[in-house]
C-alpha atoms as a PDB file:
ATOM      1  CA  UNK A   1       4.348  42.958  89.717  1.00  0.00           C
ATOM      2  CA  UNK A   2       0.978  43.257  87.979  1.00  0.00           C
ATOM      3  CA  UNK A   3      -0.077  46.892  87.688  1.00  0.00           C
ATOM      4  CA  UNK A   4      -3.145  46.949  85.415  1.00  0.00           C
ATOM      5  CA  UNK A   5      -5.498  45.893  88.210  1.00  0.00           C
ATOM      6  CA  UNK A   6      -8.154  48.627  88.146  1.00  0.00           C
ATOM      7  CA  UNK A   7     -10.619  46.345  86.360  1.00  0.00           C
ATOM      8  CA  UNK A   8     -11.192  44.651  89.733  1.00  0.00           C
ATOM      9  CA  UNK A   9     -12.573  47.930  91.096  1.00  0.00           C
ATOM     10  CA  UNK A  10     -14.648  48.665  88.009  1.00  0.00           C
ATOM     11  CA  UNK A  11     -16.070  45.160  87.797  1.00  0.00           C
ATOM     12  CA  UNK A  12     -17.563  45.714  91.257  1.00  0.00           C
ATOM     13  CA  UNK A  13     -18.827  49.155  90.187  1.00  0.00           C
ATOM     14  CA  UNK A  14     -20.543  47.750  87.107  1.00  0.00           C
ATOM     15  CA  UNK A  15     -22.243  45.030  89.132  1.00  0.00           C
ATOM     16  CA  UNK A  16     -24.006  47.645  91.269  1.00  0.00           C
ATOM     17  CA  UNK A  17     -24.607  50.400  88.726  1.00  0.00           C
ATOM     18  CA  UNK A  18     -27.498  52.777  89.380  1.00  0.00           C
ATOM     19  CA  UNK A  19     -29.984  53.435  86.588  1.00  0.00           C
ATOM     20  CA  UNK A  20     -29.127  57.164  86.539  1.00  0.00           C
ATOM     21  CA  UNK A  21     -25.352  56.685  86.565  1.00  0.00           C
ATOM     22  CA  UNK A  22     -23.193  59.103  84.571  1.00  0.00           C
ATOM     23  CA  UNK A  23     -21.392  56.027  83.216  1.00  0.00           C
ATOM     24  CA  UNK A  24     -24.440  55.353  81.028  1.00  0.00           C
ATOM     25  CA  UNK A  25     -24.298  58.719  79.229  1.00  0.00           C
ATOM     26  CA  UNK A  26     -22.112  59.088  76.101  1.00  0.00           C
ATOM     27  CA  UNK A  27     -19.628  61.965  76.093  1.00  0.00           C
ATOM     28  CA  UNK A  28     -20.418  64.855  73.745  1.00  0.00           C
ATOM     29  CA  UNK A  29     -16.851  64.735  72.431  1.00  0.00           C
ATOM     30  CA  UNK A  30     -17.319  61.145  71.302  1.00  0.00           C
ATOM     31  CA  UNK A  31     -20.452  62.140  69.401  1.00  0.00           C
ATOM     32  CA  UNK A  32     -18.614  65.010  67.707  1.00  0.00           C
ATOM     33  CA  UNK A  33     -15.731  62.706  66.725  1.00  0.00           C
ATOM     34  CA  UNK A  34     -18.117  60.067  65.379  1.00  0.00           C
ATOM     35  CA  UNK A  35     -19.880  62.640  63.194  1.00  0.00           C
ATOM     36  CA  UNK A  36     -16.736  62.896  61.084  1.00  0.00           C
ATOM     37  CA  UNK A  37     -16.266  59.158  60.548  1.00  0.00           C
ATOM     38  CA  UNK A  38     -17.267  57.214  57.454  1.00  0.00           C
ATOM     39  CA  UNK A  39     -20.642  55.441  57.728  1.00  0.00           C
ATOM     40  CA  UNK A  40     -20.300  51.844  58.865  1.00  0.00           C
ATOM     41  CA  UNK A  41     -16.679  52.257  60.003  1.00  0.00           C
ATOM     42  CA  UNK A  42     -15.207  49.534  62.217  1.00  0.00           C
ATOM     43  CA  UNK A  43     -14.681  50.914  65.727  1.00  0.00           C
ATOM     44  CA  UNK A  44     -13.031  49.304  68.751  1.00  0.00           C
ATOM     45  CA  UNK A  45     -14.253  50.642  72.102  1.00  0.00           C
ATOM     46  CA  UNK A  46     -11.238  49.746  74.224  1.00  0.00           C
ATOM     47  CA  UNK A  47     -12.242  49.570  77.873  1.00  0.00           C
ATOM     48  CA  UNK A  48     -15.921  49.838  77.042  1.00  0.00           C
ATOM     49  CA  UNK A  49     -17.235  49.535  80.596  1.00  0.00           C
ATOM     50  CA  UNK A  50     -21.018  49.209  80.478  1.00  0.00           C
ATOM     51  CA  UNK A  51     -21.131  50.320  76.859  1.00  0.00           C
ATOM     52  CA  UNK A  52     -22.228  53.945  77.024  1.00  0.00           C
ATOM     53  CA  UNK A  53     -20.199  54.689  73.882  1.00  0.00           C
ATOM     54  CA  UNK A  54     -20.247  51.291  72.178  1.00  0.00           C
ATOM     55  CA  UNK A  55     -24.038  51.048  72.260  1.00  0.00           C
ATOM     56  CA  UNK A  56     -24.510  54.632  71.078  1.00  0.00           C
ATOM     57  CA  UNK A  57     -22.010  54.161  68.227  1.00  0.00           C
ATOM     58  CA  UNK A  58     -23.704  50.941  67.155  1.00  0.00           C
ATOM     59  CA  UNK A  59     -27.043  52.747  67.092  1.00  0.00           C
ATOM     60  CA  UNK A  60     -25.498  55.217  64.620  1.00  0.00           C
ATOM     61  CA  UNK A  61     -24.683  52.354  62.247  1.00  0.00           C
ATOM     62  CA  UNK A  62     -21.024  51.733  63.050  1.00  0.00           C
ATOM     63  CA  UNK A  63     -19.599  48.210  63.326  1.00  0.00           C
ATOM     64  CA  UNK A  64     -18.575  48.255  66.974  1.00  0.00           C
ATOM     65  CA  UNK A  65     -16.544  45.836  69.065  1.00  0.00           C
ATOM     66  CA  UNK A  66     -16.444  46.409  72.827  1.00  0.00           C
ATOM     67  CA  UNK A  67     -13.446  45.076  74.754  1.00  0.00           C
ATOM     68  CA  UNK A  68     -13.025  45.184  78.510  1.00  0.00           C
ATOM     69  CA  UNK A  69     -11.308  43.203  81.268  1.00  0.00           C
ATOM     70  CA  UNK A  70     -14.354  43.540  83.570  1.00  0.00           C
ATOM     71  CA  UNK A  71     -16.994  40.921  82.708  1.00  0.00           C
ATOM     72  CA  UNK A  72     -19.823  42.660  84.587  1.00  0.00           C
ATOM     73  CA  UNK A  73     -19.691  45.593  82.191  1.00  0.00           C
ATOM     74  CA  UNK A  74     -19.688  43.366  79.131  1.00  0.00           C
ATOM     75  CA  UNK A  75     -22.667  41.461  80.515  1.00  0.00           C
ATOM     76  CA  UNK A  76     -24.645  44.692  80.510  1.00  0.00           C
ATOM     77  CA  UNK A  77     -23.686  45.367  76.905  1.00  0.00           C
ATOM     78  CA  UNK A  78     -24.709  41.846  75.926  1.00  0.00           C
ATOM     79  CA  UNK A  79     -28.116  42.355  77.530  1.00  0.00           C
ATOM     80  CA  UNK A  80     -28.644  45.481  75.437  1.00  0.00           C
ATOM     81  CA  UNK A  81     -27.477  43.692  72.266  1.00  0.00           C
ATOM     82  CA  UNK A  82     -26.141  44.904  68.949  1.00  0.00           C
ATOM     83  CA  UNK A  83     -22.466  45.041  69.893  1.00  0.00           C
ATOM     84  CA  UNK A  84     -19.821  42.312  69.772  1.00  0.00           C
ATOM     85  CA  UNK A  85     -18.158  42.003  73.183  1.00  0.00           C
ATOM     86  CA  UNK A  86     -14.714  40.617  73.946  1.00  0.00           C
ATOM     87  CA  UNK A  87     -13.222  39.919  77.379  1.00  0.00           C
ATOM     88  CA  UNK A  88      -9.536  40.812  77.198  1.00  0.00           C
ATOM     89  CA  UNK A  89      -6.612  42.942  78.347  1.00  0.00           C
ATOM     90  CA  UNK A  90      -5.786  46.273  76.770  1.00  0.00           C
ATOM     91  CA  UNK A  91      -2.111  45.428  76.274  1.00  0.00           C
ATOM     92  CA  UNK A  92      -2.759  42.139  74.448  1.00  0.00           C
ATOM     93  CA  UNK A  93      -5.616  42.749  72.018  1.00  0.00           C
ATOM     94  CA  UNK A  94      -7.010  39.559  70.448  1.00  0.00           C
ATOM     95  CA  UNK A  95      -7.501  41.103  67.001  1.00  0.00           C
ATOM     96  CA  UNK A  96      -5.740  40.957  63.638  1.00  0.00           C
ATOM     97  CA  UNK A  97      -3.504  43.745  62.393  1.00  0.00           C
ATOM     98  CA  UNK A  98      -5.480  46.665  60.900  1.00  0.00           C
ATOM     99  CA  UNK A  99      -8.745  45.167  62.149  1.00  0.00           C
ATOM    100  CA  UNK A 100     -10.316  48.562  62.914  1.00  0.00           C
ATOM    101  CA  UNK A 101     -10.761  51.899  61.198  1.00  0.00           C
ATOM    102  CA  UNK A 102     -10.893  53.752  64.530  1.00  0.00           C
ATOM    103  CA  UNK A 103     -10.235  53.119  68.227  1.00  0.00           C
ATOM    104  CA  UNK A 104     -11.924  54.859  71.158  1.00  0.00           C
ATOM    105  CA  UNK A 105     -10.608  54.555  74.716  1.00  0.00           C
ATOM    106  CA  UNK A 106     -12.158  56.928  77.240  1.00  0.00           C
ATOM    107  CA  UNK A 107     -10.518  57.137  80.702  1.00  0.00           C
ATOM    108  CA  UNK A 108      -8.907  53.709  80.362  1.00  0.00           C
ATOM    109  CA  UNK A 109      -5.348  53.283  79.156  1.00  0.00           C
ATOM    110  CA  UNK A 110      -3.684  55.258  81.967  1.00  0.00           C
ATOM    111  CA  UNK A 111      -4.590  52.506  84.474  1.00  0.00           C
ATOM    112  CA  UNK A 112      -1.201  50.847  84.866  1.00  0.00           C
ATOM    113  CA  UNK A 113       2.551  51.234  84.699  1.00  0.00           C
ATOM    114  CA  UNK A 114       4.466  52.743  81.804  1.00  0.00           C
ATOM    115  CA  UNK A 115       5.282  49.248  80.520  1.00  0.00           C
ATOM    116  CA  UNK A 116       1.577  48.387  80.344  1.00  0.00           C
ATOM    117  CA  UNK A 117       0.821  51.718  78.708  1.00  0.00           C
ATOM    118  CA  UNK A 118       3.512  51.304  76.052  1.00  0.00           C
ATOM    119  CA  UNK A 119       2.291  47.806  75.194  1.00  0.00           C
ATOM    120  CA  UNK A 120      -1.266  49.121  74.986  1.00  0.00           C
ATOM    121  CA  UNK A 121      -0.301  51.969  72.665  1.00  0.00           C
ATOM    122  CA  UNK A 122       1.615  49.524  70.454  1.00  0.00           C
ATOM    123  CA  UNK A 123      -1.483  47.317  70.308  1.00  0.00           C
ATOM    124  CA  UNK A 124      -3.726  50.258  69.412  1.00  0.00           C
ATOM    125  CA  UNK A 125      -1.363  51.172  66.608  1.00  0.00           C
ATOM    126  CA  UNK A 126      -1.235  47.547  65.408  1.00  0.00           C
ATOM    127  CA  UNK A 127      -5.002  47.034  65.182  1.00  0.00           C
ATOM    128  CA  UNK A 128      -5.633  50.382  63.457  1.00  0.00           C
ATOM    129  CA  UNK A 129      -5.592  50.800  59.717  1.00  0.00           C
ATOM    130  CA  UNK A 130      -3.133  53.443  58.431  1.00  0.00           C
ATOM    131  CA  UNK A 131      -4.969  56.749  58.490  1.00  0.00           C
ATOM    132  CA  UNK A 132      -7.333  55.518  61.191  1.00  0.00           C
ATOM    133  CA  UNK A 133      -7.881  57.623  64.291  1.00  0.00           C
ATOM    134  CA  UNK A 134      -7.568  57.120  68.014  1.00  0.00           C
ATOM    135  CA  UNK A 135      -9.718  59.162  70.392  1.00  0.00           C
ATOM    136  CA  UNK A 136      -8.580  58.810  73.979  1.00  0.00           C
ATOM    137  CA  UNK A 137      -7.876  60.429  77.315  1.00  0.00           C
ATOM    138  CA  UNK A 138      -4.845  60.363  79.595  1.00  0.00           C
ATOM    139  CA  UNK A 139      -4.163  61.817  83.035  1.00  0.00           C
ATOM    140  CA  UNK A 140      -2.331  65.125  83.074  1.00  0.00           C
ATOM    141  CA  UNK A 141       0.631  65.683  85.389  1.00  0.00           C
ATOM    142  CA  UNK A 142      -1.228  68.843  86.418  1.00  0.00           C
ATOM    143  CA  UNK A 143      -3.705  66.565  88.224  1.00  0.00           C
ATOM    144  CA  UNK A 144      -1.133  64.859  90.435  1.00  0.00           C
ATOM    145  CA  UNK A 145      -0.875  67.558  93.149  1.00  0.00           C
ATOM    146  CA  UNK A 146      -4.662  67.474  93.551  1.00  0.00           C
ATOM    147  CA  UNK A 147      -4.620  63.691  94.039  1.00  0.00           C
ATOM    148  CA  UNK A 148      -1.843  63.997  96.593  1.00  0.00           C
ATOM    149  CA  UNK A 149      -3.744  66.703  98.463  1.00  0.00           C
ATOM    150  CA  UNK A 150      -6.885  64.566  98.519  1.00  0.00           C
ATOM    151  CA  UNK A 151      -5.370  61.163  99.289  1.00  0.00           C
ATOM    152  CA  UNK A 152      -2.004  61.795 100.952  1.00  0.00           C
ATOM    153  CA  UNK A 153       1.392  61.748  99.334  1.00  0.00           C
ATOM    154  CA  UNK A 154       0.835  58.444  97.574  1.00  0.00           C
ATOM    155  CA  UNK A 155       3.581  56.239  96.223  1.00  0.00           C
ATOM    156  CA  UNK A 156       5.245  56.286  92.816  1.00  0.00           C
ATOM    157  CA  UNK A 157       5.647  52.606  91.914  1.00  0.00           C
ATOM    158  CA  UNK A 158       7.407  53.338  88.625  1.00  0.00           C
ATOM    159  CA  UNK A 159       8.005  56.326  86.392  1.00  0.00           C
ATOM    160  CA  UNK A 160       4.832  58.484  86.469  1.00  0.00           C
ATOM    161  CA  UNK A 161       2.693  55.627  87.899  1.00  0.00           C
ATOM    162  CA  UNK A 162       1.145  56.345  91.294  1.00  0.00           C
ATOM    163  CA  UNK A 163      -1.034  54.568  93.855  1.00  0.00           C
ATOM    164  CA  UNK A 164      -2.851  56.195  96.774  1.00  0.00           C
ATOM    165  CA  UNK A 165      -4.301  55.097 100.096  1.00  0.00           C
ATOM    166  CA  UNK A 166      -7.895  55.731  99.057  1.00  0.00           C
ATOM    167  CA  UNK A 167     -10.056  52.695  99.939  1.00  0.00           C
ATOM    168  CA  UNK A 168     -13.268  52.418  97.970  1.00  0.00           C
ATOM    169  CA  UNK A 169     -11.816  54.169  94.930  1.00  0.00           C
ATOM    170  CA  UNK A 170      -9.766  52.993  91.974  1.00  0.00           C
ATOM    171  CA  UNK A 171      -6.872  55.178  93.216  1.00  0.00           C
ATOM    172  CA  UNK A 172      -5.566  52.162  95.137  1.00  0.00           C
ATOM    173  CA  UNK A 173      -4.659  50.831  91.678  1.00  0.00           C
ATOM    174  CA  UNK A 174      -1.856  52.362  89.586  1.00  0.00           C
ATOM    175  CA  UNK A 175      -2.598  55.502  87.578  1.00  0.00           C
ATOM    176  CA  UNK A 176      -0.198  57.089  85.088  1.00  0.00           C
ATOM    177  CA  UNK A 177       0.248  60.894  84.995  1.00  0.00           C
ATOM    178  CA  UNK A 178       2.255  62.686  82.303  1.00  0.00           C
ATOM    179  CA  UNK A 179       3.206  66.011  80.778  1.00  0.00           C
ATOM    180  CA  UNK A 180       2.618  66.898  77.131  1.00  0.00           C
ATOM    181  CA  UNK A 181       6.199  66.086  76.012  1.00  0.00           C
ATOM    182  CA  UNK A 182       6.016  62.755  77.823  1.00  0.00           C
ATOM    183  CA  UNK A 183       2.667  61.960  76.222  1.00  0.00           C
ATOM    184  CA  UNK A 184       3.926  62.733  72.725  1.00  0.00           C
ATOM    185  CA  UNK A 185       6.970  60.520  73.295  1.00  0.00           C
ATOM    186  CA  UNK A 186       4.688  57.613  74.231  1.00  0.00           C
ATOM    187  CA  UNK A 187       2.615  57.749  71.044  1.00  0.00           C
ATOM    188  CA  UNK A 188       5.202  56.864  68.433  1.00  0.00           C
ATOM    189  CA  UNK A 189       3.757  56.177  64.989  1.00  0.00           C
ATOM    190  CA  UNK A 190       0.890  58.647  65.349  1.00  0.00           C
ATOM    191  CA  UNK A 191       0.245  62.160  64.059  1.00  0.00           C
ATOM    192  CA  UNK A 192      -1.441  64.544  66.496  1.00  0.00           C
ATOM    193  CA  UNK A 193      -4.733  65.961  65.236  1.00  0.00           C
ATOM    194  CA  UNK A 194      -5.863  67.429  68.567  1.00  0.00           C
ATOM    195  CA  UNK A 195      -4.389  67.619  72.094  1.00  0.00           C
ATOM    196  CA  UNK A 196      -5.951  69.526  74.993  1.00  0.00           C
ATOM    197  CA  UNK A 197      -5.546  69.475  78.774  1.00  0.00           C
ATOM    198  CA  UNK A 198      -9.033  69.789  80.273  1.00  0.00           C
ATOM    199  CA  UNK A 199     -10.457  69.885  83.769  1.00  0.00           C
ATOM    200  CA  UNK A 200     -13.388  67.508  84.187  1.00  0.00           C
ATOM    201  CA  UNK A 201     -16.351  67.988  86.530  1.00  0.00           C
ATOM    202  CA  UNK A 202     -14.355  68.062  89.799  1.00  0.00           C
ATOM    203  CA  UNK A 203     -11.680  70.698  90.559  1.00  0.00           C
ATOM    204  CA  UNK A 204      -8.205  69.489  89.647  1.00  0.00           C
ATOM    205  CA  UNK A 205      -9.427  66.574  87.509  1.00  0.00           C
ATOM    206  CA  UNK A 206      -7.134  67.371  84.580  1.00  0.00           C
ATOM    207  CA  UNK A 207      -7.150  64.980  81.621  1.00  0.00           C
ATOM    208  CA  UNK A 208      -5.434  65.060  78.284  1.00  0.00           C
ATOM    209  CA  UNK A 209      -7.920  64.714  75.423  1.00  0.00           C
ATOM    210  CA  UNK A 210      -6.259  63.493  72.284  1.00  0.00           C
ATOM    211  CA  UNK A 211      -7.175  62.614  68.735  1.00  0.00           C
ATOM    212  CA  UNK A 212      -4.344  60.927  66.849  1.00  0.00           C
ATOM    213  CA  UNK A 213      -3.973  59.539  63.344  1.00  0.00           C
ATOM    214  CA  UNK A 214      -2.148  56.263  62.782  1.00  0.00           C
ATOM    215  CA  UNK A 215       0.734  56.826  60.348  1.00  0.00           C
END
C-alpha cells in the first residue's frame, strides 16, 4: 500500500495558490538557521512546495536545490528562477552521496508510514556531508488527540501513522505522530543540536522542531 500520497493534495493547493498565502512567507526559524551557515553552502530544500524557503535562501547567496513530488509547486519556483528544481520522492533522492552541506525539510517528511519515513531519513543522511545539518519538523504525539477531536477517531494504518475522514484536507493522507524517544530512535546517525515541541498557529498544532548534525 502506498502511503506517501499527500503530494496529490498539495499539488492541487499549489495550482490555486492565493497571492497572499502564508505558504509564500519564509519561516523566521529558517532565516535564523541560515544565518549560521557558511556563505554559498549547498542546501537541499526537501519538499520545497512553492519555494518560500528555496527562493529566499537562493537570494541570500546559497546554492539551493528544490525537490518536491508536486509539479505545480516546482513550476512556480521555475517561474521565479534562480533555483534548480527536481521532481522526485523524498525516500528516493536522485542525488550523489554527500551532495549537500545542509538539508531543510519544513512540514514534509511526516507525510507517510514509518517505512517511508525511515527511508527518507536514511536518504537525508546519505546526501548530507559529515558535519552538515538538517533542519526539519515532525508531528508530535501531543497533537494526535486534537486531530481525533477535530476529525473523528481516525484510523492507525501502521505504527504511529494515521488517516482521518477530513475531505478537503491533507488529513485523508497518512500522517506520522511520535514522541521524543520515538523521534530520537528514528534519526540514527545524527547528533541532536536542538529539539523542541512547539504549538503552531492553531490550538493543538504541536510540531517537533529539530536541528540535527550528520555524524
